[in-house]
C-alpha atoms as a PDB file:
ATOM      1  CA  UNK A   1      -2.655 -39.928   4.531  1.00  0.00           C
ATOM      2  CA  UNK A   2      -4.407 -41.314   1.492  1.00  0.00           C
ATOM      3  CA  UNK A   3      -4.822 -39.198  -1.591  1.00  0.00           C
ATOM      4  CA  UNK A   4      -8.174 -38.775  -3.253  1.00  0.00           C
ATOM      5  CA  UNK A   5      -8.926 -39.767  -6.803  1.00  0.00           C
ATOM      6  CA  UNK A   6      -6.870 -38.133  -9.492  1.00  0.00           C
ATOM      7  CA  UNK A   7      -8.534 -35.452 -11.566  1.00  0.00           C
ATOM      8  CA  UNK A   8      -8.811 -36.331 -15.221  1.00  0.00           C
ATOM      9  CA  UNK A   9      -9.560 -33.316 -17.366  1.00  0.00           C
ATOM     10  CA  UNK A  10      -8.982 -32.628 -21.025  1.00  0.00           C
ATOM     11  CA  UNK A  11      -7.953 -29.043 -21.639  1.00  0.00           C
ATOM     12  CA  UNK A  12      -7.865 -27.537 -25.137  1.00  0.00           C
ATOM     13  CA  UNK A  13      -4.267 -27.254 -26.328  1.00  0.00           C
ATOM     14  CA  UNK A  14      -4.792 -23.775 -27.758  1.00  0.00           C
ATOM     15  CA  UNK A  15      -6.091 -22.523 -24.395  1.00  0.00           C
ATOM     16  CA  UNK A  16      -2.947 -23.814 -22.642  1.00  0.00           C
ATOM     17  CA  UNK A  17      -0.722 -22.232 -25.310  1.00  0.00           C
ATOM     18  CA  UNK A  18      -2.526 -18.897 -24.932  1.00  0.00           C
ATOM     19  CA  UNK A  19      -2.219 -19.042 -21.131  1.00  0.00           C
ATOM     20  CA  UNK A  20       1.494 -19.830 -21.365  1.00  0.00           C
ATOM     21  CA  UNK A  21       2.067 -17.003 -23.864  1.00  0.00           C
ATOM     22  CA  UNK A  22       0.272 -14.600 -21.524  1.00  0.00           C
ATOM     23  CA  UNK A  23       2.362 -15.784 -18.587  1.00  0.00           C
ATOM     24  CA  UNK A  24       5.572 -15.425 -20.612  1.00  0.00           C
ATOM     25  CA  UNK A  25       4.655 -11.850 -21.559  1.00  0.00           C
ATOM     26  CA  UNK A  26       3.846 -11.081 -17.909  1.00  0.00           C
ATOM     27  CA  UNK A  27       7.152 -12.618 -16.768  1.00  0.00           C
ATOM     28  CA  UNK A  28       9.104 -10.493 -19.254  1.00  0.00           C
ATOM     29  CA  UNK A  29       7.222  -7.326 -18.267  1.00  0.00           C
ATOM     30  CA  UNK A  30       7.741  -7.981 -14.546  1.00  0.00           C
ATOM     31  CA  UNK A  31      11.437  -8.631 -15.095  1.00  0.00           C
ATOM     32  CA  UNK A  32      11.998  -5.462 -17.124  1.00  0.00           C
ATOM     33  CA  UNK A  33      10.047  -3.288 -14.683  1.00  0.00           C
ATOM     34  CA  UNK A  34      11.594  -4.636 -11.482  1.00  0.00           C
ATOM     35  CA  UNK A  35      14.496  -2.153 -11.505  1.00  0.00           C
ATOM     36  CA  UNK A  36      12.023   0.723 -11.725  1.00  0.00           C
ATOM     37  CA  UNK A  37       9.864  -0.761  -8.971  1.00  0.00           C
ATOM     38  CA  UNK A  38      12.917  -1.372  -6.771  1.00  0.00           C
ATOM     39  CA  UNK A  39      14.059   2.241  -7.234  1.00  0.00           C
ATOM     40  CA  UNK A  40      10.588   3.502  -6.270  1.00  0.00           C
ATOM     41  CA  UNK A  41      10.583   1.224  -3.224  1.00  0.00           C
ATOM     42  CA  UNK A  42      14.051   2.406  -2.144  1.00  0.00           C
ATOM     43  CA  UNK A  43      12.927   6.049  -2.340  1.00  0.00           C
ATOM     44  CA  UNK A  44       9.881   5.227  -0.201  1.00  0.00           C
ATOM     45  CA  UNK A  45      12.071   3.249   2.225  1.00  0.00           C
ATOM     46  CA  UNK A  46      14.534   6.123   2.613  1.00  0.00           C
ATOM     47  CA  UNK A  47      11.637   8.531   3.212  1.00  0.00           C
ATOM     48  CA  UNK A  48      10.321   6.137   5.876  1.00  0.00           C
ATOM     49  CA  UNK A  49      13.740   6.017   7.547  1.00  0.00           C
ATOM     50  CA  UNK A  50      13.746   9.830   7.693  1.00  0.00           C
ATOM     51  CA  UNK A  51      10.223   9.840   9.168  1.00  0.00           C
ATOM     52  CA  UNK A  52      11.287   7.215  11.679  1.00  0.00           C
ATOM     53  CA  UNK A  53      14.359   9.213  12.725  1.00  0.00           C
ATOM     54  CA  UNK A  54      12.248  12.359  13.115  1.00  0.00           C
ATOM     55  CA  UNK A  55       9.694  10.418  15.175  1.00  0.00           C
ATOM     56  CA  UNK A  56      12.463   9.046  17.411  1.00  0.00           C
ATOM     57  CA  UNK A  57      13.937  12.512  17.947  1.00  0.00           C
ATOM     58  CA  UNK A  58      10.507  13.871  18.898  1.00  0.00           C
ATOM     59  CA  UNK A  59      10.032  11.046  21.413  1.00  0.00           C
ATOM     60  CA  UNK A  60      13.596  10.935  22.777  1.00  0.00           C
ATOM     61  CA  UNK A  61      12.301  11.952  26.214  1.00  0.00           C
ATOM     62  CA  UNK A  62      10.782   8.442  26.462  1.00  0.00           C
ATOM     63  CA  UNK A  63      14.105   6.768  25.625  1.00  0.00           C
ATOM     64  CA  UNK A  64      15.367   3.945  27.796  1.00  0.00           C
ATOM     65  CA  UNK A  65      18.566   1.941  27.852  1.00  0.00           C
ATOM     66  CA  UNK A  66      20.662   4.680  26.233  1.00  0.00           C
ATOM     67  CA  UNK A  67      24.014   3.476  24.911  1.00  0.00           C
ATOM     68  CA  UNK A  68      26.768   5.664  23.483  1.00  0.00           C
ATOM     69  CA  UNK A  69      29.961   4.971  21.635  1.00  0.00           C
ATOM     70  CA  UNK A  70      32.347   7.843  20.898  1.00  0.00           C
ATOM     71  CA  UNK A  71      35.098   7.276  18.330  1.00  0.00           C
ATOM     72  CA  UNK A  72      37.786   9.907  18.856  1.00  0.00           C
ATOM     73  CA  UNK A  73      39.786   8.929  15.788  1.00  0.00           C
ATOM     74  CA  UNK A  74      37.039  10.218  13.463  1.00  0.00           C
ATOM     75  CA  UNK A  75      35.019  12.314  15.932  1.00  0.00           C
ATOM     76  CA  UNK A  76      31.778  10.338  15.612  1.00  0.00           C
ATOM     77  CA  UNK A  77      29.247   9.507  18.260  1.00  0.00           C
ATOM     78  CA  UNK A  78      27.002   6.504  17.959  1.00  0.00           C
ATOM     79  CA  UNK A  79      23.825   6.816  20.032  1.00  0.00           C
ATOM     80  CA  UNK A  80      21.599   3.799  20.522  1.00  0.00           C
ATOM     81  CA  UNK A  81      18.408   3.791  22.569  1.00  0.00           C
ATOM     82  CA  UNK A  82      15.075   2.040  23.003  1.00  0.00           C
ATOM     83  CA  UNK A  83      11.643   3.642  22.951  1.00  0.00           C
ATOM     84  CA  UNK A  84       8.824   1.409  24.107  1.00  0.00           C
ATOM     85  CA  UNK A  85       5.589   2.702  22.652  1.00  0.00           C
ATOM     86  CA  UNK A  86       2.181   1.640  21.472  1.00  0.00           C
ATOM     87  CA  UNK A  87       1.359   4.884  19.724  1.00  0.00           C
ATOM     88  CA  UNK A  88      -0.793   4.745  16.631  1.00  0.00           C
ATOM     89  CA  UNK A  89       1.015   7.560  14.824  1.00  0.00           C
ATOM     90  CA  UNK A  90       4.139   5.476  14.383  1.00  0.00           C
ATOM     91  CA  UNK A  91       5.387   5.768  10.770  1.00  0.00           C
ATOM     92  CA  UNK A  92       4.329   2.766   8.687  1.00  0.00           C
ATOM     93  CA  UNK A  93       7.057   0.906   6.855  1.00  0.00           C
ATOM     94  CA  UNK A  94       6.554   0.749   3.069  1.00  0.00           C
ATOM     95  CA  UNK A  95       5.571  -2.628   1.679  1.00  0.00           C
ATOM     96  CA  UNK A  96       7.433  -4.219  -1.192  1.00  0.00           C
ATOM     97  CA  UNK A  97       4.516  -5.140  -3.456  1.00  0.00           C
ATOM     98  CA  UNK A  98       6.543  -7.036  -6.039  1.00  0.00           C
ATOM     99  CA  UNK A  99       8.770 -10.083  -6.183  1.00  0.00           C
ATOM    100  CA  UNK A 100      12.393  -9.756  -7.189  1.00  0.00           C
ATOM    101  CA  UNK A 101      13.194 -12.172 -10.007  1.00  0.00           C
ATOM    102  CA  UNK A 102      16.862 -13.101 -10.113  1.00  0.00           C
ATOM    103  CA  UNK A 103      18.531 -13.337 -13.502  1.00  0.00           C
ATOM    104  CA  UNK A 104      19.091 -17.108 -13.399  1.00  0.00           C
ATOM    105  CA  UNK A 105      15.492 -17.731 -12.292  1.00  0.00           C
ATOM    106  CA  UNK A 106      14.161 -15.499 -15.056  1.00  0.00           C
ATOM    107  CA  UNK A 107      16.229 -17.267 -17.720  1.00  0.00           C
ATOM    108  CA  UNK A 108      15.186 -20.700 -16.466  1.00  0.00           C
ATOM    109  CA  UNK A 109      11.488 -19.858 -16.321  1.00  0.00           C
ATOM    110  CA  UNK A 110      11.548 -18.134 -19.713  1.00  0.00           C
ATOM    111  CA  UNK A 111      13.288 -21.099 -21.316  1.00  0.00           C
ATOM    112  CA  UNK A 112      10.901 -23.659 -19.797  1.00  0.00           C
ATOM    113  CA  UNK A 113       7.775 -21.705 -20.761  1.00  0.00           C
ATOM    114  CA  UNK A 114       9.103 -21.097 -24.278  1.00  0.00           C
ATOM    115  CA  UNK A 115       9.941 -24.789 -24.683  1.00  0.00           C
ATOM    116  CA  UNK A 116       6.477 -25.801 -23.491  1.00  0.00           C
ATOM    117  CA  UNK A 117       4.866 -23.390 -25.976  1.00  0.00           C
ATOM    118  CA  UNK A 118       7.007 -24.731 -28.858  1.00  0.00           C
ATOM    119  CA  UNK A 119       6.197 -28.348 -28.001  1.00  0.00           C
ATOM    120  CA  UNK A 120       2.473 -27.677 -27.631  1.00  0.00           C
ATOM    121  CA  UNK A 121       2.395 -25.837 -30.973  1.00  0.00           C
ATOM    122  CA  UNK A 122       3.888 -28.917 -32.672  1.00  0.00           C
ATOM    123  CA  UNK A 123       1.203 -31.307 -31.450  1.00  0.00           C
ATOM    124  CA  UNK A 124      -1.836 -32.293 -33.486  1.00  0.00           C
ATOM    125  CA  UNK A 125      -3.777 -33.188 -30.348  1.00  0.00           C
ATOM    126  CA  UNK A 126      -6.733 -30.931 -29.645  1.00  0.00           C
ATOM    127  CA  UNK A 127      -6.541 -31.467 -25.901  1.00  0.00           C
ATOM    128  CA  UNK A 128      -3.737 -31.634 -23.359  1.00  0.00           C
ATOM    129  CA  UNK A 129      -3.582 -34.547 -20.957  1.00  0.00           C
ATOM    130  CA  UNK A 130      -3.644 -33.943 -17.230  1.00  0.00           C
ATOM    131  CA  UNK A 131      -0.040 -35.093 -16.828  1.00  0.00           C
ATOM    132  CA  UNK A 132       1.133 -32.633 -19.484  1.00  0.00           C
ATOM    133  CA  UNK A 133      -0.897 -29.876 -17.883  1.00  0.00           C
ATOM    134  CA  UNK A 134       0.634 -30.651 -14.478  1.00  0.00           C
ATOM    135  CA  UNK A 135       4.098 -30.154 -15.972  1.00  0.00           C
ATOM    136  CA  UNK A 136       3.287 -26.572 -17.010  1.00  0.00           C
ATOM    137  CA  UNK A 137       0.697 -25.703 -14.349  1.00  0.00           C
ATOM    138  CA  UNK A 138       3.257 -24.121 -12.000  1.00  0.00           C
ATOM    139  CA  UNK A 139       3.724 -21.313 -14.512  1.00  0.00           C
ATOM    140  CA  UNK A 140       0.039 -20.561 -14.933  1.00  0.00           C
END
């Protein structure tokens, strides 16, 4: 498959620096807030599991393929069953609306963005070439 013509655009250096600084600030904010967001998500997930268990208990009369496993050594009973349903009142699973940034990924991205900002601040060029922009475009 043949590629089309390359795009040749001159972008003001200061605009790229500003965009990278904004992205760096956003990256740092997302990283610092992810523990809080994860804790909120886990609370919502546990609440959903409780709702799901309550829903299953209410609809146990529709259960099929019931399997049990009794462990006498610790007096526990494991009950496993299937409920085939197309009901609309089924509890909705919470959605994780954020990305988890691992420590090594965060450090790598922060270092690369910071290096790009430092290099662009040292240049006297008023515009950034397309090849330079492509090198930092994945962060924007």
